[in-house]
Amino acid sequence: MRTDVEVRWIPVREVGDVRMGKQLSPASRDASGQRPYLRVANVLQGRIDYADVKTMGFSDAEREAYSLKPGDILLNEGQSLELVGRSAIYDGVEGEFFFQNTLVRFRPSCLVLSAYAQVIFERWLTNGVFAAIAKQTTSIAHLGGERFASLAFPLLALSEQRRIVEVIDAVSAHERAIEASIAKLRSVRQGFLLASMASIGGGELPRGWARIPLKDVVPQVDYGISNALDQDPPGIAVLRMNNLSNGRPELSDLRYSSMPVPGRLELRRGDVLFNRTNSIDHVGKAAIWRTELPRATFASYLVRINPDETRLTPEYLVEWLMNPLIRQRVQSIATVAVQQVNVNPARLRELEIDMPVDRAEQRRIIDVLSLCDEQIQGEQAKLEKVRVLKLGVADDLLAGCS
């Protein structure tokens, strides 16, 4: 930022309207005046996902208070600590969508551009400003409408705001292009997976394929440990239900066991983990362990379901479990517990698996999917570099506005 640019530090509430959304209640689910509303799951970093939108009842007065206008910024009020305050600009039709109290709405005044405010909020998320003011309750951190509204906002002249937005937009265009490439590659991968396992939908088995109970090729199930876990080492890393993502271990939020773990429950290369307990949307996730850490084990939320590798490769098993039709079948056999559902591994092993008898054909399918994964990972690495560049550019442009 040029040294001759004047920065005025003004509370967020004085450069825009801050409002918490409407609280969801059992009555609102059945009330008249049903309208679509956005929630935490819809607000991703820099964009809003309108694919999975729920409805609840809004009165005339509530529609006035909680309707969204283009240019409004939605911030996640309740989220994990590293993601609380994640934000996006609403770009829908005025009055078409509303918002729940898991979000905070910032409606900029004439003093500030939406795109400039979004640059500031993204920077606050990255620099830990939101995390610093959030209040933690169990595993959820809350931003707090009042705490957010009290933050000091770096207000610049509109001309300077436009200059900053134009520079950031140039980098963002590259970011969006890479995101589109990743989405296309994921679509290609999904299409090949579905085509390769087309018989799962009830069609005729291809020549050389078999349809057999999973228990015929998965001889046993191992439950994980139930030890008390610590946030920090020392101890052995323990994978939990949040540590499985897209067929791979997600190691960003590990816990550790300081108690001894039986050697047979330590993870070994090729182990297949299945998420037996979670919300209905996440139960049934699976991943294969490829020795990402020297030593690790798994919690009792997960089970290990290693196949007989003379008949079925672990990689094919994981891809079969990730097939959308199989995910639906897994969810259909789940039983409801308090706030979660559970899948009995014995019932899981009763499901029938469609598979090539020849392991070489299983490998061929996996090799194509692996090639897609390599391309996706390459694009994700590019995306990460662009995002780092974007943050650096923002830091340079906003020097003095920390």
Protein backbone atom coordinates (compact mmCIF):
# COMPACT_ATOMS: atom_id res chain seq x y z
CA MET A 1 0.00 0.00 0.00
CA ARG A 2 1.25 3.50 -0.75
CA THR A 3 2.35 5.37 2.34
CA ASP A 4 0.23 8.38 1.40
CA VAL A 5 -3.03 6.39 1.61
CA GLU A 6 -5.11 7.29 4.63
CA VAL A 7 -6.49 4.39 6.67
CA ARG A 8 -9.29 4.94 9.13
CA TRP A 9 -9.92 2.19 11.70
CA ILE A 10 -13.66 1.91 12.26
CA PRO A 11 -15.71 -0.84 13.96
CA VAL A 12 -17.21 -3.28 11.49
CA ARG A 13 -20.71 -2.32 12.66
CA GLU A 14 -20.09 1.26 11.43
CA VAL A 15 -19.20 0.26 7.86
CA GLY A 16 -22.05 -2.19 7.40
CA ASP A 17 -25.02 -3.92 8.98
CA VAL A 18 -24.20 -7.05 11.01
CA ARG A 19 -26.98 -9.54 11.70
CA MET A 20 -27.21 -13.10 12.96
CA GLY A 21 -29.54 -15.43 11.07
CA LYS A 22 -32.75 -17.09 12.18
CA GLN A 23 -32.53 -19.99 14.59
CA LEU A 24 -33.87 -23.29 13.27
CA SER A 25 -36.55 -24.87 15.47
CA PRO A 26 -38.90 -27.87 15.16
CA ALA A 27 -41.81 -25.45 14.69
CA SER A 28 -40.07 -23.62 11.84
CA ARG A 29 -39.63 -26.86 9.90
CA ASP A 30 -43.41 -27.22 9.55
CA ALA A 31 -44.50 -23.58 9.68
CA SER A 32 -46.11 -21.81 6.75
CA GLY A 33 -44.06 -19.49 4.58
CA GLN A 34 -41.33 -22.03 3.84
CA ARG A 35 -38.28 -20.41 2.26
CA PRO A 36 -34.81 -21.71 1.32
CA TYR A 37 -32.08 -20.75 3.77
CA LEU A 38 -28.30 -20.96 3.73
CA ARG A 39 -26.24 -22.49 6.55
CA VAL A 40 -22.60 -23.24 7.37
CA ALA A 41 -22.49 -26.15 4.90
CA ASN A 42 -23.34 -23.74 2.07
CA VAL A 43 -20.65 -21.13 2.74
CA LEU A 44 -17.28 -22.22 1.42
CA GLN A 45 -14.24 -19.98 1.20
CA GLY A 46 -15.02 -17.40 -1.46
CA ARG A 47 -18.13 -19.10 -2.86
CA ILE A 48 -21.60 -20.28 -1.90
CA ASP A 49 -22.81 -23.79 -2.69
CA TYR A 50 -26.50 -23.73 -3.57
CA ALA A 51 -26.70 -27.49 -4.33
CA ASP A 52 -27.98 -28.61 -0.91
CA VAL A 53 -30.35 -26.00 0.49
CA LYS A 54 -32.98 -26.67 3.17
CA THR A 55 -36.18 -24.74 3.97
CA MET A 56 -37.95 -23.40 7.05
CA GLY A 57 -40.82 -21.05 7.76
CA PHE A 58 -40.33 -17.28 7.78
CA SER A 59 -43.00 -14.74 8.77
CA ASP A 60 -43.41 -11.53 6.80
CA ALA A 61 -41.29 -9.65 9.35
CA GLU A 62 -38.64 -12.38 9.31
CA ARG A 63 -38.48 -12.33 5.54
CA GLU A 64 -37.66 -8.64 5.74
CA ALA A 65 -34.99 -9.22 8.39
CA TYR A 66 -33.31 -12.34 7.03
CA SER A 67 -33.53 -12.02 3.25
CA LEU A 68 -30.30 -11.73 1.29
CA LYS A 69 -29.27 -9.16 -1.31
CA PRO A 70 -26.47 -9.42 -3.87
CA GLY A 71 -23.31 -8.11 -2.24
CA ASP A 72 -24.16 -9.38 1.24
CA ILE A 73 -21.28 -11.30 2.82
CA LEU A 74 -22.05 -14.43 4.84
CA LEU A 75 -19.57 -15.59 7.47
CA ASN A 76 -19.60 -18.92 9.28
CA GLU A 77 -20.53 -18.17 12.89
CA GLY A 78 -20.20 -21.73 14.22
CA GLN A 79 -17.36 -23.84 12.80
CA SER A 80 -14.07 -25.48 13.71
CA LEU A 81 -11.59 -22.94 15.08
CA GLU A 82 -9.48 -22.79 11.90
CA LEU A 83 -12.59 -22.25 9.73
CA VAL A 84 -14.75 -19.97 11.87
CA GLY A 85 -15.31 -16.75 9.92
CA ARG A 86 -14.98 -18.41 6.50
CA SER A 87 -16.90 -16.13 4.17
CA ALA A 88 -18.40 -15.64 0.73
CA ILE A 89 -20.33 -12.95 -1.12
CA TYR A 90 -23.97 -13.73 -1.88
CA ASP A 91 -24.52 -13.55 -5.64
CA GLY A 92 -28.08 -14.84 -5.88
CA VAL A 93 -31.35 -13.07 -6.60
CA GLU A 94 -32.51 -10.52 -4.04
CA GLY A 95 -35.00 -12.06 -1.62
CA GLU A 96 -34.63 -15.60 -3.00
CA PHE A 97 -32.56 -16.96 -0.10
CA PHE A 98 -32.47 -16.40 3.64
CA PHE A 99 -29.92 -17.39 6.29
CA GLN A 100 -29.73 -19.41 9.50
CA ASN A 101 -28.12 -18.34 12.78
CA THR A 102 -25.07 -20.49 12.06
CA LEU A 103 -24.13 -17.57 9.79
CA VAL A 104 -23.48 -13.88 10.28
CA ARG A 105 -24.53 -11.48 7.52
CA PHE A 106 -22.49 -8.38 6.77
CA ARG A 107 -24.29 -5.92 4.50
CA PRO A 108 -21.80 -3.20 3.48
CA SER A 109 -22.78 0.45 3.59
CA CYS A 110 -21.94 2.96 0.87
CA LEU A 111 -18.53 3.38 2.54
CA VAL A 112 -17.20 -0.02 1.53
CA LEU A 113 -17.19 -2.33 -1.49
CA SER A 114 -18.32 -5.90 -0.90
CA ALA A 115 -15.29 -7.26 -2.73
CA TYR A 116 -12.92 -5.17 -0.59
CA ALA A 117 -14.63 -6.28 2.63
CA GLN A 118 -14.28 -9.88 1.46
CA VAL A 119 -10.52 -9.35 0.96
CA ILE A 120 -10.27 -8.11 4.55
CA PHE A 121 -12.34 -11.01 5.92
CA GLU A 122 -10.28 -13.60 4.03
CA ARG A 123 -7.13 -12.01 5.44
CA TRP A 124 -8.57 -12.08 8.96
CA LEU A 125 -9.37 -15.77 8.55
CA THR A 126 -5.82 -16.55 7.39
CA ASN A 127 -4.10 -14.36 9.98
CA GLY A 128 -6.07 -15.81 12.89
CA VAL A 129 -8.05 -12.67 13.72
CA PHE A 130 -11.34 -14.58 13.75
CA ALA A 131 -9.85 -17.48 15.70
CA ALA A 132 -8.58 -15.04 18.31
CA ILE A 133 -12.05 -13.66 19.10
CA ALA A 134 -13.97 -16.94 18.75
CA LYS A 135 -15.40 -18.68 21.81
CA GLN A 136 -14.90 -22.45 21.89
CA THR A 137 -17.75 -24.76 22.95
CA THR A 138 -16.87 -28.47 22.69
CA SER A 139 -15.54 -28.95 19.15
CA ILE A 140 -17.29 -25.85 17.71
CA ALA A 141 -15.95 -22.31 17.81
CA HIS A 142 -18.39 -19.38 17.66
CA LEU A 143 -17.46 -16.11 16.02
CA GLY A 144 -20.13 -14.08 17.80
CA GLY A 145 -22.01 -11.34 16.00
CA GLU A 146 -21.12 -8.69 18.56
CA ARG A 147 -17.45 -9.67 18.72
CA PHE A 148 -17.24 -9.58 14.93
CA ALA A 149 -19.05 -6.22 14.79
CA SER A 150 -16.52 -4.75 17.23
CA LEU A 151 -13.43 -5.60 15.16
CA ALA A 152 -11.55 -2.58 13.81
CA PHE A 153 -12.01 -2.42 10.04
CA PRO A 154 -9.38 -0.68 7.84
CA LEU A 155 -11.48 1.76 5.84
CA LEU A 156 -9.89 3.27 2.73
CA ALA A 157 -11.17 5.64 0.08
CA LEU A 158 -13.39 3.88 -2.46
CA SER A 159 -10.86 4.52 -5.22
CA GLU A 160 -8.16 2.71 -3.22
CA GLN A 161 -10.57 -0.11 -2.44
CA ARG A 162 -11.24 -0.53 -6.17
CA ARG A 163 -7.53 -0.61 -6.95
CA ILE A 164 -6.94 -3.38 -4.41
CA VAL A 165 -9.94 -5.38 -5.64
CA GLU A 166 -8.79 -5.16 -9.27
CA VAL A 167 -5.36 -6.56 -8.42
CA ILE A 168 -6.80 -9.36 -6.26
CA ASP A 169 -9.39 -10.18 -8.92
CA ALA A 170 -6.65 -10.81 -11.48
CA VAL A 171 -5.11 -13.46 -9.21
CA SER A 172 -8.56 -14.81 -8.30
CA ALA A 173 -9.35 -15.42 -11.98
CA HIS A 174 -6.39 -17.79 -12.16
CA GLU A 175 -7.54 -19.41 -8.93
CA ARG A 176 -11.04 -19.98 -10.32
CA ALA A 177 -9.64 -21.48 -13.54
CA ILE A 178 -7.67 -24.07 -11.56
CA GLU A 179 -10.71 -24.81 -9.38
CA ALA A 180 -12.74 -25.43 -12.55
CA SER A 181 -10.05 -27.78 -13.84
CA ILE A 182 -10.12 -29.74 -10.59
CA ALA A 183 -13.91 -29.99 -10.71
CA LYS A 184 -13.74 -31.29 -14.29
CA LEU A 185 -11.12 -33.91 -13.38
CA ARG A 186 -13.22 -35.06 -10.44
CA SER A 187 -16.22 -35.37 -12.73
CA VAL A 188 -14.20 -37.47 -15.19
CA ARG A 189 -13.00 -39.68 -12.36
CA GLN A 190 -16.50 -40.16 -11.01
CA GLY A 191 -17.82 -40.96 -14.47
CA PHE A 192 -15.18 -43.64 -15.01
CA LEU A 193 -15.85 -45.13 -11.55
CA LEU A 194 -19.59 -45.35 -12.22
CA ALA A 195 -19.08 -46.77 -15.71
CA SER A 196 -16.59 -49.37 -14.47
CA MET A 197 -18.99 -50.56 -11.79
CA ALA A 198 -22.19 -50.07 -13.77
CA SER A 199 -23.57 -53.48 -12.76
CA ILE A 200 -23.91 -52.23 -9.15
CA GLY A 201 -27.12 -50.53 -10.24
CA GLY A 202 -28.68 -53.92 -10.90
CA GLY A 203 -27.42 -54.50 -14.42
CA GLU A 204 -26.02 -57.69 -15.86
CA LEU A 205 -22.53 -58.60 -14.74
CA PRO A 206 -19.81 -58.19 -17.37
CA ARG A 207 -17.97 -61.27 -18.51
CA GLY A 208 -15.36 -62.27 -15.95
CA TRP A 209 -17.09 -60.54 -13.02
CA ALA A 210 -18.60 -62.05 -9.87
CA ARG A 211 -21.28 -60.87 -7.42
CA ILE A 212 -20.62 -62.31 -3.97
CA PRO A 213 -21.21 -61.38 -0.31
CA LEU A 214 -18.48 -59.09 0.94
CA LYS A 215 -17.77 -61.54 3.78
CA ASP A 216 -16.49 -64.04 1.20
CA VAL A 217 -13.53 -61.75 0.46
CA VAL A 218 -13.29 -59.84 3.76
CA PRO A 219 -12.65 -62.63 6.27
CA GLN A 220 -12.67 -60.53 9.45
CA VAL A 221 -13.20 -57.09 10.95
CA ASP A 222 -10.96 -55.40 13.54
CA TYR A 223 -12.29 -52.72 15.89
CA GLY A 224 -10.05 -49.82 16.87
CA ILE A 225 -8.90 -48.72 20.31
CA SER A 226 -11.02 -46.99 22.97
CA ASN A 227 -8.16 -45.32 24.85
CA ALA A 228 -8.41 -41.74 26.10
CA LEU A 229 -6.71 -39.50 23.54
CA ASP A 230 -4.46 -36.45 23.85
CA GLN A 231 -4.15 -33.52 21.47
CA ASP A 232 -0.37 -33.62 21.40
CA PRO A 233 2.39 -36.23 21.23
CA PRO A 234 4.10 -38.20 22.71
CA GLY A 235 2.19 -41.34 21.95
CA ILE A 236 0.95 -43.14 18.88
CA ALA A 237 -1.16 -41.24 16.33
CA VAL A 238 -4.80 -42.34 16.30
CA LEU A 239 -7.02 -41.94 13.25
CA ARG A 240 -10.62 -41.00 14.04
CA MET A 241 -13.76 -40.63 11.93
CA ASN A 242 -12.75 -37.14 10.75
CA ASN A 243 -9.43 -38.49 9.45
CA LEU A 244 -10.87 -40.22 6.37
CA SER A 245 -11.33 -38.13 3.23
CA ASN A 246 -11.77 -39.15 -0.42
CA GLY A 247 -10.27 -42.59 0.11
CA ARG A 248 -7.19 -41.23 1.87
CA PRO A 249 -6.15 -40.47 5.46
CA GLU A 250 -6.56 -36.82 6.45
CA LEU A 251 -3.81 -36.09 8.97
CA SER A 252 -4.33 -32.40 9.77
CA ASP A 253 -6.19 -32.99 13.05
CA LEU A 254 -4.73 -36.04 14.79
CA ARG A 255 -5.04 -37.25 18.36
CA TYR A 256 -2.58 -39.45 20.24
CA SER A 257 -2.71 -42.34 22.68
CA SER A 258 -0.09 -42.40 25.44
CA MET A 259 -1.30 -45.87 26.48
CA PRO A 260 0.25 -48.99 24.90
CA VAL A 261 -1.50 -50.26 21.78
CA PRO A 262 -1.50 -53.95 20.79
CA GLY A 263 0.82 -54.53 17.86
CA ARG A 264 -1.96 -56.16 15.85
CA LEU A 265 -3.88 -52.84 15.92
CA GLU A 266 -1.05 -50.76 14.51
CA LEU A 267 -1.75 -49.77 10.91
CA ARG A 268 0.19 -51.44 8.12
CA ARG A 269 0.46 -50.52 4.48
CA GLY A 270 -2.68 -51.53 2.59
CA ASP A 271 -5.02 -51.56 5.60
CA VAL A 272 -8.58 -50.51 4.71
CA LEU A 273 -10.43 -48.37 7.27
CA PHE A 274 -14.20 -47.94 7.32
CA ASN A 275 -16.09 -45.23 9.22
CA ARG A 276 -18.83 -47.11 11.06
CA THR A 277 -20.10 -44.23 13.24
CA ASN A 278 -20.88 -40.68 12.13
CA SER A 279 -23.65 -38.47 10.78
CA ILE A 280 -25.73 -40.04 8.01
CA ASP A 281 -23.85 -37.99 5.40
CA HIS A 282 -20.42 -39.21 6.52
CA VAL A 283 -20.93 -42.74 7.81
CA GLY A 284 -19.43 -45.27 5.43
CA LYS A 285 -16.38 -43.25 4.40
CA ALA A 286 -13.36 -45.43 3.70
CA ALA A 287 -9.63 -44.97 3.15
CA ILE A 288 -6.53 -47.02 2.51
CA TRP A 289 -3.44 -46.60 4.68
CA ARG A 290 -0.18 -46.17 2.76
CA THR A 291 2.22 -45.69 5.68
CA GLU A 292 1.71 -41.93 5.80
CA LEU A 293 3.20 -42.00 9.32
CA PRO A 294 5.81 -44.33 10.86
CA ARG A 295 3.34 -45.50 13.52
CA ALA A 296 -0.42 -45.09 13.76
CA THR A 297 -3.52 -46.89 14.95
CA PHE A 298 -7.26 -46.23 14.73
CA ALA A 299 -10.10 -45.39 17.13
CA SER A 300 -13.14 -47.55 17.76
CA TYR A 301 -15.28 -45.28 15.57
CA LEU A 302 -13.50 -47.03 12.71
CA VAL A 303 -13.08 -50.65 11.75
CA ARG A 304 -10.41 -52.32 9.65
CA ILE A 305 -11.85 -54.47 6.86
CA ASN A 306 -8.87 -55.90 5.02
CA PRO A 307 -9.70 -58.14 2.05
CA ASP A 308 -8.23 -61.49 1.09
CA GLU A 309 -5.66 -60.06 -1.31
CA THR A 310 -5.50 -63.26 -3.35
CA ARG A 311 -8.99 -62.37 -4.55
CA LEU A 312 -9.56 -58.65 -3.99
CA THR A 313 -7.17 -55.70 -3.93
CA PRO A 314 -7.54 -53.19 -1.07
CA GLU A 315 -7.65 -50.32 -3.59
CA TYR A 316 -10.62 -51.84 -5.44
CA LEU A 317 -12.44 -52.42 -2.12
CA VAL A 318 -12.06 -48.75 -1.16
CA GLU A 319 -13.30 -47.58 -4.58
CA TRP A 320 -16.29 -49.92 -4.32
CA LEU A 321 -17.13 -48.54 -0.87
CA MET A 322 -16.90 -44.98 -2.26
CA ASN A 323 -19.30 -45.70 -5.13
CA PRO A 324 -22.39 -43.50 -4.54
CA LEU A 325 -24.76 -46.47 -4.88
CA ILE A 326 -22.82 -48.43 -2.26
CA ARG A 327 -22.79 -45.39 0.04
CA GLN A 328 -26.59 -45.38 -0.24
CA ARG A 329 -26.77 -49.08 0.61
CA VAL A 330 -24.50 -48.58 3.58
CA GLN A 331 -26.68 -45.72 4.83
CA SER A 332 -29.79 -47.89 4.39
CA ILE A 333 -28.44 -50.51 6.83
CA ALA A 334 -27.34 -47.93 9.41
CA THR A 335 -29.13 -47.73 12.74
CA VAL A 336 -29.87 -44.40 14.39
CA ALA A 337 -28.21 -43.53 17.71
CA VAL A 338 -27.99 -40.23 19.60
CA GLN A 339 -27.05 -37.59 16.97
CA GLN A 340 -25.27 -40.27 14.95
CA VAL A 341 -25.89 -43.44 13.01
CA ASN A 342 -24.02 -46.71 13.26
CA VAL A 343 -23.25 -49.43 10.75
CA ASN A 344 -22.89 -52.95 12.10
CA PRO A 345 -19.83 -54.44 10.37
CA ALA A 346 -21.57 -57.83 10.27
CA ARG A 347 -24.39 -56.29 8.21
CA LEU A 348 -21.85 -54.50 6.04
CA ARG A 349 -20.23 -57.83 5.20
CA GLU A 350 -23.62 -59.17 4.07
CA LEU A 351 -23.70 -56.65 1.20
CA GLU A 352 -22.85 -58.06 -2.21
CA ILE A 353 -19.80 -56.77 -4.04
CA ASP A 354 -19.50 -56.73 -7.84
CA MET A 355 -15.87 -57.32 -8.80
CA PRO A 356 -13.69 -58.60 -11.62
CA VAL A 357 -12.49 -62.09 -10.77
CA ASP A 358 -9.13 -61.33 -12.37
CA ARG A 359 -7.08 -59.12 -10.07
CA ALA A 360 -5.31 -57.69 -13.14
CA GLU A 361 -8.64 -56.21 -14.26
CA GLN A 362 -9.15 -54.77 -10.78
CA ARG A 363 -5.70 -53.19 -11.10
CA ARG A 364 -6.55 -51.74 -14.52
CA ILE A 365 -9.56 -49.93 -13.07
CA ILE A 366 -7.51 -48.66 -10.13
CA ASP A 367 -4.67 -47.49 -12.41
CA VAL A 368 -7.03 -45.26 -14.39
CA LEU A 369 -8.49 -43.80 -11.19
CA SER A 370 -4.97 -43.29 -9.81
CA LEU A 371 -4.01 -41.38 -12.95
CA CYS A 372 -6.98 -39.06 -12.37
CA ASP A 373 -5.89 -38.65 -8.75
CA GLU A 374 -2.36 -37.69 -9.80
CA GLN A 375 -3.71 -35.04 -12.14
CA ILE A 376 -6.04 -33.71 -9.45
CA GLN A 377 -3.17 -33.55 -6.95
CA GLY A 378 -1.05 -31.68 -9.49
CA GLU A 379 -3.81 -29.11 -9.98
CA GLN A 380 -4.31 -28.84 -6.21
CA ALA A 381 -0.60 -28.10 -5.80
CA LYS A 382 -0.92 -25.32 -8.39
CA LEU A 383 -3.99 -24.02 -6.59
CA GLU A 384 -2.17 -23.91 -3.27
CA LYS A 385 0.66 -21.90 -4.85
CA VAL A 386 -1.81 -19.43 -6.37
CA ARG A 387 -3.55 -19.02 -3.02
CA VAL A 388 -0.24 -18.36 -1.29
CA LEU A 389 0.52 -15.79 -3.99
CA LYS A 390 -2.89 -14.22 -3.49
CA LEU A 391 -2.30 -13.87 0.24
CA GLY A 392 1.11 -12.35 -0.42
CA VAL A 393 -0.38 -9.84 -2.84
CA ALA A 394 -3.08 -8.98 -0.32
CA ASP A 395 -0.48 -8.51 2.40
CA ASP A 396 1.50 -6.17 0.18
CA LEU A 397 -1.54 -4.16 -0.81
CA LEU A 398 -2.79 -3.94 2.77
CA ALA A 399 0.55 -3.23 4.44
CA GLY A 400 -0.19 -1.09 7.44
CA CYS A 401 -3.72 -2.48 7.78
CA SER A 402 -2.86 -5.30 10.20
